[in-house]
Amino acid sequence: MVSRENRVIVGFVLAAMVLGFGVTELTALPSEASLGILLVVGVVAPILVNNYLDAAGSD
């Protein structure tokens, strides 16, 4: 069985990959912007969401 945390992480990683590809291929932004999007959406956002869901579930 897949845990909620793993589903959140996989969802955000897939979204980060799609956004990173879209930014790279469809815009004229520098590669640093694409890397920043990958890091924020693929690493930081899932941590924040999982921490929020953990805190909300412990009430």
Protein backbone atom coordinates (compact mmCIF):
# COMPACT_ATOMS: atom_id res chain seq x y z
CA MET A 1 0.00 0.00 0.00
CA VAL A 2 1.29 3.44 -0.95
CA SER A 3 1.27 6.00 1.85
CA ARG A 4 -0.24 9.47 1.57
CA GLU A 5 3.21 11.01 1.85
CA ASN A 6 4.51 9.02 -1.11
CA ARG A 7 1.47 9.95 -3.22
CA VAL A 8 2.03 13.63 -2.46
CA ILE A 9 5.72 13.38 -3.33
CA VAL A 10 5.10 11.50 -6.59
CA GLY A 11 2.43 13.99 -7.61
CA PHE A 12 4.67 16.98 -7.02
CA VAL A 13 7.66 15.36 -8.72
CA LEU A 14 5.56 14.64 -11.82
CA ALA A 15 4.24 18.20 -11.79
CA ALA A 16 7.79 19.53 -11.44
CA MET A 17 8.94 17.46 -14.41
CA VAL A 18 6.08 18.73 -16.59
CA LEU A 19 6.62 22.33 -15.51
CA GLY A 20 10.37 22.07 -15.98
CA PHE A 21 9.93 20.70 -19.48
CA GLY A 22 7.35 23.37 -20.29
CA VAL A 23 9.54 26.19 -19.05
CA THR A 24 12.56 24.85 -20.92
CA GLU A 25 10.80 24.23 -24.22
CA LEU A 26 8.09 26.87 -24.35
CA THR A 27 9.65 29.97 -22.79
CA ALA A 28 12.81 31.98 -23.14
CA LEU A 29 13.64 31.87 -19.43
CA PRO A 30 17.19 30.96 -18.44
CA SER A 31 18.04 27.47 -17.28
CA GLU A 32 18.33 28.71 -13.69
CA ALA A 33 14.59 29.43 -13.71
CA SER A 34 13.86 25.88 -14.80
CA LEU A 35 16.12 24.52 -12.06
CA GLY A 36 14.44 26.77 -9.51
CA ILE A 37 11.01 25.52 -10.54
CA LEU A 38 12.18 21.92 -10.27
CA LEU A 39 13.57 22.50 -6.78
CA VAL A 40 10.60 24.45 -5.45
CA VAL A 41 7.85 22.27 -6.92
CA GLY A 42 9.67 18.94 -6.66
CA VAL A 43 11.34 19.30 -3.26
CA VAL A 44 10.08 22.20 -1.16
CA ALA A 45 6.35 22.02 -1.94
CA PRO A 46 5.90 18.33 -1.05
CA ILE A 47 7.69 18.87 2.26
CA LEU A 48 5.44 21.80 3.11
CA VAL A 49 2.26 19.97 2.06
CA ASN A 50 3.17 16.82 4.00
CA ASN A 51 4.02 18.86 7.10
CA TYR A 52 0.70 20.70 6.82
CA LEU A 53 -1.26 17.48 6.38
CA ASP A 54 0.56 15.88 9.31
CA ALA A 55 -0.26 18.85 11.54
CA ALA A 56 -3.89 19.00 10.39
CA GLY A 57 -4.36 15.28 11.00
CA SER A 58 -3.00 15.35 14.54
CA ASP A 59 -5.79 17.54 15.96
